[in-house]
Amino acid sequence: MRCLCLFLAAAAATPSSSGPPGASVAGVVHEIAANLTRLRTQLPDFICRERITSQSFQGKQLVRQSVIESNFTGLQSPDKEHGLAFTEIRDVQTVDGKHVRKHWKLKAPYLFTGGFSSSLWSVFGPLGPNYHVYGFFGQDGMGNDKEFLVVGFKSKPGAPPLLMEDHGHAVPYTDTGIAYVDPSTYDVKLLELMVTFFAADQRPLAVSVKYNEVAIGGQTFSLPATVRVREGDPESKATPGGLFVAEYSGYRKFTASSEIKFGP
């Protein structure tokens, strides 16, 4: 199981330093970081519905697939050493349409955790500039009428590596990618990054996270709608790999009586 987390607190092109008139890349990155800090301090504990589609491949051939439906709970957990921390809890309800016993341990052909809370934080959180360089790719409508700022990023040369947890071990990696940013709110609406590991036997990851505005407890927050992770080269005929897609819906404030019911 891969878990994306920043222990120290996709576009291959190099971004440019110039951007839309009146905008600076440093200013945009600062505003994104401020939004993320507010999110962590103001977001209440919540529960939502999570649907995971997990697949394993041998080259392009599908080997196994599982569809998992869970109640996903996000808890803001104060931590004296590291400050406010985010805890993900999954209460699995069904696997491939069949109900499972309570406290069923999450398992599937390919799993990736932490993408919900850590992908954006690791790139644009307050410590992000210590490990990344940023630049503008200009503006793009992302298929809609509204124009978004497109901010590119890549790991900063000479900086300490980022670390990802893999089966209990901290694995160093670098990343590069792009983010589509709403210029009116500085919320990231789409994050795409490519993760490359230092070890030759670690296959690269392509990560994509789409964010939507959701209402929780009378407030509006920008939270993940879809997390998509692909491990390995899909063009290779022999290399094993995996695909993890998690979809989130039905956000609501978590209370002691919170419950999301699944169909029979």
Protein backbone atom coordinates (compact mmCIF):
# COMPACT_ATOMS: atom_id res chain seq x y z
CA MET A 1 0.00 0.00 0.00
CA ARG A 2 1.30 3.41 -0.94
CA CYS A 3 0.66 6.32 1.42
CA LEU A 4 1.49 9.86 0.31
CA CYS A 5 2.62 11.97 3.25
CA LEU A 6 5.06 14.84 3.83
CA PHE A 7 7.26 13.58 6.66
CA LEU A 8 9.07 16.92 6.92
CA ALA A 9 6.13 18.79 8.61
CA ALA A 10 1.77 16.03 -14.96
CA ALA A 11 3.82 18.07 -16.82
CA ALA A 12 7.45 17.43 -17.70
CA ALA A 13 8.01 20.90 -19.17
CA THR A 14 9.72 23.62 -17.13
CA PRO A 15 7.23 26.36 -16.12
CA SER A 16 7.96 29.96 -16.99
CA SER A 17 8.24 32.83 -14.49
CA SER A 18 5.83 35.06 -16.39
CA GLY A 19 2.08 34.85 -16.00
CA PRO A 20 -1.18 36.73 -16.43
CA PRO A 21 -1.01 40.51 -15.94
CA GLY A 22 -1.18 41.54 -12.29
CA ALA A 23 -0.43 38.03 -10.97
CA SER A 24 2.85 36.73 -9.58
CA VAL A 25 3.56 33.06 -9.12
CA ALA A 26 4.85 33.69 -5.58
CA GLY A 27 1.63 35.52 -4.72
CA VAL A 28 -0.58 32.76 -6.12
CA VAL A 29 1.38 30.05 -4.26
CA HIS A 30 1.12 32.09 -1.05
CA GLU A 31 -2.67 32.39 -1.44
CA ILE A 32 -3.05 28.65 -2.10
CA ALA A 33 -1.03 27.88 1.04
CA ALA A 34 -3.19 30.31 3.05
CA ASN A 35 -6.33 28.53 1.79
CA LEU A 36 -4.93 25.16 2.83
CA THR A 37 -4.04 26.47 6.29
CA ARG A 38 -7.58 27.84 6.70
CA LEU A 39 -8.96 24.51 5.49
CA ARG A 40 -7.08 22.61 8.17
CA THR A 41 -8.14 25.00 10.92
CA GLN A 42 -11.79 25.53 9.90
CA LEU A 43 -12.85 22.24 8.31
CA PRO A 44 -15.04 20.35 10.81
CA ASP A 45 -14.91 16.60 11.23
CA PHE A 46 -16.95 15.16 8.35
CA ILE A 47 -18.24 11.96 6.82
CA CYS A 48 -18.86 11.18 3.17
CA ARG A 49 -19.34 8.29 0.80
CA GLU A 50 -16.25 6.79 -0.87
CA ARG A 51 -16.26 4.46 -3.86
CA ILE A 52 -12.92 2.87 -4.74
CA THR A 53 -12.23 1.07 -8.00
CA SER A 54 -8.96 -0.84 -7.67
CA GLN A 55 -7.26 -2.67 -10.53
CA SER A 56 -3.99 -4.51 -11.06
CA PHE A 57 -2.39 -4.87 -14.49
CA GLN A 58 0.28 -6.83 -16.26
CA GLY A 59 1.18 -4.35 -18.96
CA LYS A 60 -2.19 -3.38 -20.50
CA GLN A 61 -3.93 -6.60 -19.41
CA LEU A 62 -6.32 -6.33 -16.45
CA VAL A 63 -5.48 -9.03 -13.87
CA ARG A 64 -7.81 -8.21 -10.94
CA GLN A 65 -10.44 -5.64 -10.02
CA SER A 66 -12.38 -4.74 -6.88
CA VAL A 67 -15.02 -2.08 -6.20
CA ILE A 68 -15.21 -0.98 -2.56
CA GLU A 69 -17.92 1.21 -1.00
CA SER A 70 -17.08 2.84 2.33
CA ASN A 71 -18.14 5.48 4.79
CA PHE A 72 -15.14 7.83 4.79
CA THR A 73 -14.59 9.95 7.91
CA GLY A 74 -12.12 12.85 8.06
CA LEU A 75 -11.06 13.95 11.54
CA GLN A 76 -9.00 16.99 12.46
CA SER A 77 -6.71 15.70 15.21
CA PRO A 78 -4.68 18.24 17.24
CA ASP A 79 -1.10 17.05 17.68
CA LYS A 80 1.21 18.89 20.10
CA GLU A 81 4.35 17.94 18.15
CA HIS A 82 3.24 18.51 14.54
CA GLY A 83 0.23 20.80 14.93
CA LEU A 84 -3.15 20.00 13.42
CA ALA A 85 -3.18 16.57 11.75
CA PHE A 86 -5.74 14.95 9.45
CA THR A 87 -6.89 11.38 10.08
CA GLU A 88 -8.67 9.26 7.43
CA ILE A 89 -11.01 6.51 8.66
CA ARG A 90 -12.77 4.07 6.33
CA ASP A 91 -15.70 1.95 7.40
CA VAL A 92 -15.99 -0.52 4.51
CA GLN A 93 -19.60 -1.43 3.69
CA THR A 94 -19.50 -3.51 0.49
CA VAL A 95 -16.92 -5.16 -1.76
CA ASP A 96 -18.03 -5.93 -5.32
CA GLY A 97 -21.62 -5.32 -4.23
CA LYS A 98 -21.53 -7.73 -1.28
CA HIS A 99 -21.82 -6.54 2.31
CA VAL A 100 -18.83 -7.27 4.55
CA ARG A 101 -18.55 -7.75 8.29
CA LYS A 102 -17.98 -4.72 10.52
CA HIS A 103 -14.37 -3.52 10.84
CA TRP A 104 -13.43 -5.32 7.61
CA LYS A 105 -9.81 -4.48 6.82
CA LEU A 106 -9.34 -2.54 3.60
CA LYS A 107 -7.66 -4.69 0.97
CA ALA A 108 -7.73 -4.65 -2.82
CA PRO A 109 -5.55 -5.36 -5.88
CA TYR A 110 -3.94 -1.90 -5.62
CA LEU A 111 -4.32 0.66 -2.83
CA PHE A 112 -3.13 4.23 -2.38
CA THR A 113 -3.96 6.20 0.76
CA GLY A 114 -3.21 9.80 1.69
CA GLY A 115 -4.10 11.17 -1.74
CA PHE A 116 -7.25 12.73 -0.29
CA SER A 117 -5.46 14.93 2.23
CA SER A 118 -1.74 14.96 1.41
CA SER A 119 -1.35 15.42 -2.36
CA LEU A 120 -2.17 19.13 -2.40
CA TRP A 121 -0.61 19.83 0.99
CA SER A 122 2.76 18.33 0.01
CA VAL A 123 3.00 20.62 -3.05
CA PHE A 124 1.35 23.87 -1.92
CA GLY A 125 1.26 23.69 1.89
CA PRO A 126 3.32 26.17 3.93
CA LEU A 127 6.44 24.00 3.57
CA GLY A 128 5.89 23.39 -0.16
CA PRO A 129 8.27 26.19 -1.31
CA ASN A 130 11.09 24.55 0.66
CA TYR A 131 10.91 21.58 -1.71
CA HIS A 132 9.45 22.96 -4.96
CA VAL A 133 9.92 25.65 -7.58
CA TYR A 134 6.86 27.11 -9.30
CA GLY A 135 5.98 28.95 -12.47
CA PHE A 136 3.07 29.89 -14.72
CA PHE A 137 1.94 27.93 -17.75
CA GLY A 138 -0.58 30.69 -18.46
CA GLN A 139 -4.37 30.29 -18.42
CA ASP A 140 -6.69 27.52 -19.51
CA GLY A 141 -10.44 26.98 -19.52
CA MET A 142 -10.17 23.27 -18.65
CA GLY A 143 -13.02 22.70 -21.11
CA ASN A 144 -15.24 25.29 -19.39
CA ASP A 145 -16.00 28.96 -20.00
CA LYS A 146 -14.10 30.03 -16.88
CA GLU A 147 -10.37 30.67 -17.18
CA PHE A 148 -8.04 29.07 -14.61
CA LEU A 149 -4.47 29.96 -13.74
CA VAL A 150 -2.19 27.05 -14.61
CA VAL A 151 0.69 26.79 -12.14
CA GLY A 152 3.53 24.38 -12.83
CA PHE A 153 5.82 22.94 -10.17
CA LYS A 154 8.75 20.58 -9.80
CA SER A 155 11.03 19.40 -7.01
CA LYS A 156 13.65 21.99 -6.10
CA PRO A 157 17.18 20.95 -7.10
CA GLY A 158 19.35 20.35 -4.04
CA ALA A 159 16.43 20.30 -1.60
CA PRO A 160 15.89 17.32 0.74
CA PRO A 161 13.73 14.68 -0.95
CA LEU A 162 10.07 14.23 -0.21
CA LEU A 163 9.20 10.91 1.43
CA MET A 164 6.36 8.51 0.78
CA GLU A 165 5.38 5.61 3.01
CA ASP A 166 5.45 2.28 1.20
CA HIS A 167 4.71 -0.86 3.23
CA GLY A 168 6.08 0.75 6.38
CA HIS A 169 9.19 2.22 4.76
CA ALA A 170 9.95 5.87 3.92
CA VAL A 171 10.77 6.06 0.19
CA PRO A 172 12.34 9.25 -1.26
CA TYR A 173 10.85 10.75 -4.42
CA THR A 174 10.67 13.82 -6.64
CA ASP A 175 7.59 15.20 -8.36
CA THR A 176 6.57 17.48 -11.19
CA GLY A 177 3.14 18.63 -12.32
CA ILE A 178 0.54 21.33 -12.84
CA ALA A 179 -2.38 22.79 -10.90
CA TYR A 180 -5.47 24.55 -12.28
CA VAL A 181 -6.26 27.41 -9.89
CA ASP A 182 -9.46 29.48 -9.64
CA PRO A 183 -8.18 33.10 -9.90
CA SER A 184 -11.10 34.44 -7.84
CA THR A 185 -10.61 32.17 -4.81
CA TYR A 186 -7.13 30.65 -5.31
CA ASP A 187 -8.61 27.19 -4.75
CA VAL A 188 -6.96 24.39 -6.75
CA LYS A 189 -9.59 22.69 -8.91
CA LEU A 190 -7.36 20.06 -10.53
CA LEU A 191 -3.94 18.78 -9.46
CA GLU A 192 -1.88 16.53 -11.73
CA LEU A 193 1.56 15.29 -10.75
CA MET A 194 4.07 12.65 -11.71
CA VAL A 195 5.97 11.00 -8.86
CA THR A 196 9.41 9.53 -9.64
CA PHE A 197 11.21 7.44 -7.03
CA PHE A 198 14.95 7.40 -6.40
CA ALA A 199 15.06 3.59 -6.32
CA ALA A 200 15.17 1.96 -9.75
CA ASP A 201 12.77 -0.81 -8.70
CA GLN A 202 10.04 1.67 -7.70
CA ARG A 203 7.58 2.31 -10.53
CA PRO A 204 6.47 5.92 -11.15
CA LEU A 205 3.04 7.19 -10.12
CA ALA A 206 0.70 9.47 -12.08
CA VAL A 207 -1.63 11.21 -9.60
CA SER A 208 -4.68 13.33 -10.48
CA VAL A 209 -7.04 14.93 -7.95
CA LYS A 210 -10.19 16.86 -8.91
CA TYR A 211 -11.74 19.21 -6.34
CA ASN A 212 -15.34 20.45 -5.95
CA GLU A 213 -17.00 23.00 -3.68
CA VAL A 214 -18.95 21.20 -0.94
CA ALA A 215 -21.05 22.49 1.94
CA ILE A 216 -20.32 21.13 5.43
CA GLY A 217 -21.79 22.55 8.61
CA GLY A 218 -22.99 25.75 6.94
CA GLN A 219 -19.59 26.51 5.34
CA THR A 220 -18.21 25.85 1.87
CA PHE A 221 -14.92 24.02 1.31
CA SER A 222 -12.95 22.83 -1.71
CA LEU A 223 -12.52 19.08 -1.22
CA PRO A 224 -11.64 16.09 -3.43
CA ALA A 225 -14.29 14.71 -5.76
CA THR A 226 -12.01 12.18 -7.48
CA VAL A 227 -8.52 10.83 -6.74
CA ARG A 228 -6.90 8.84 -9.53
CA VAL A 229 -3.52 7.10 -9.21
CA ARG A 230 -1.82 5.02 -11.88
CA GLU A 231 1.34 3.05 -11.02
CA GLY A 232 3.73 1.92 -13.74
CA ASP A 233 3.89 2.46 -17.48
CA PRO A 234 0.57 1.62 -19.19
CA GLU A 235 2.40 1.32 -22.54
CA SER A 236 4.67 -1.47 -21.31
CA LYS A 237 3.64 -4.98 -22.36
CA ALA A 238 5.18 -6.74 -19.36
CA THR A 239 5.53 -4.29 -16.45
CA PRO A 240 3.05 -4.84 -13.60
CA GLY A 241 1.07 -1.85 -12.37
CA GLY A 242 -2.06 -0.69 -10.66
CA LEU A 243 -4.92 1.78 -10.96
CA PHE A 244 -6.69 3.34 -7.96
CA VAL A 245 -9.75 5.58 -8.43
CA ALA A 246 -11.59 6.97 -5.39
CA GLU A 247 -14.81 8.99 -5.79
CA TYR A 248 -16.27 11.09 -2.95
CA SER A 249 -19.84 12.33 -2.52
CA GLY A 250 -22.47 13.14 0.10
CA TYR A 251 -20.26 15.23 2.36
CA ARG A 252 -21.81 16.13 5.73
CA LYS A 253 -20.66 17.20 9.18
CA PHE A 254 -19.66 14.27 11.37
CA THR A 255 -21.59 13.73 14.58
CA ALA A 256 -21.90 10.78 16.92
CA SER A 257 -25.00 9.68 15.00
CA SER A 258 -23.62 10.23 11.49
CA GLU A 259 -24.38 7.34 9.18
CA ILE A 260 -24.47 6.75 5.43
CA LYS A 261 -26.62 3.82 4.35
CA PHE A 262 -25.85 1.66 1.32
CA GLY A 263 -28.31 -0.23 -0.80
CA PRO A 264 -29.02 -3.93 -0.29
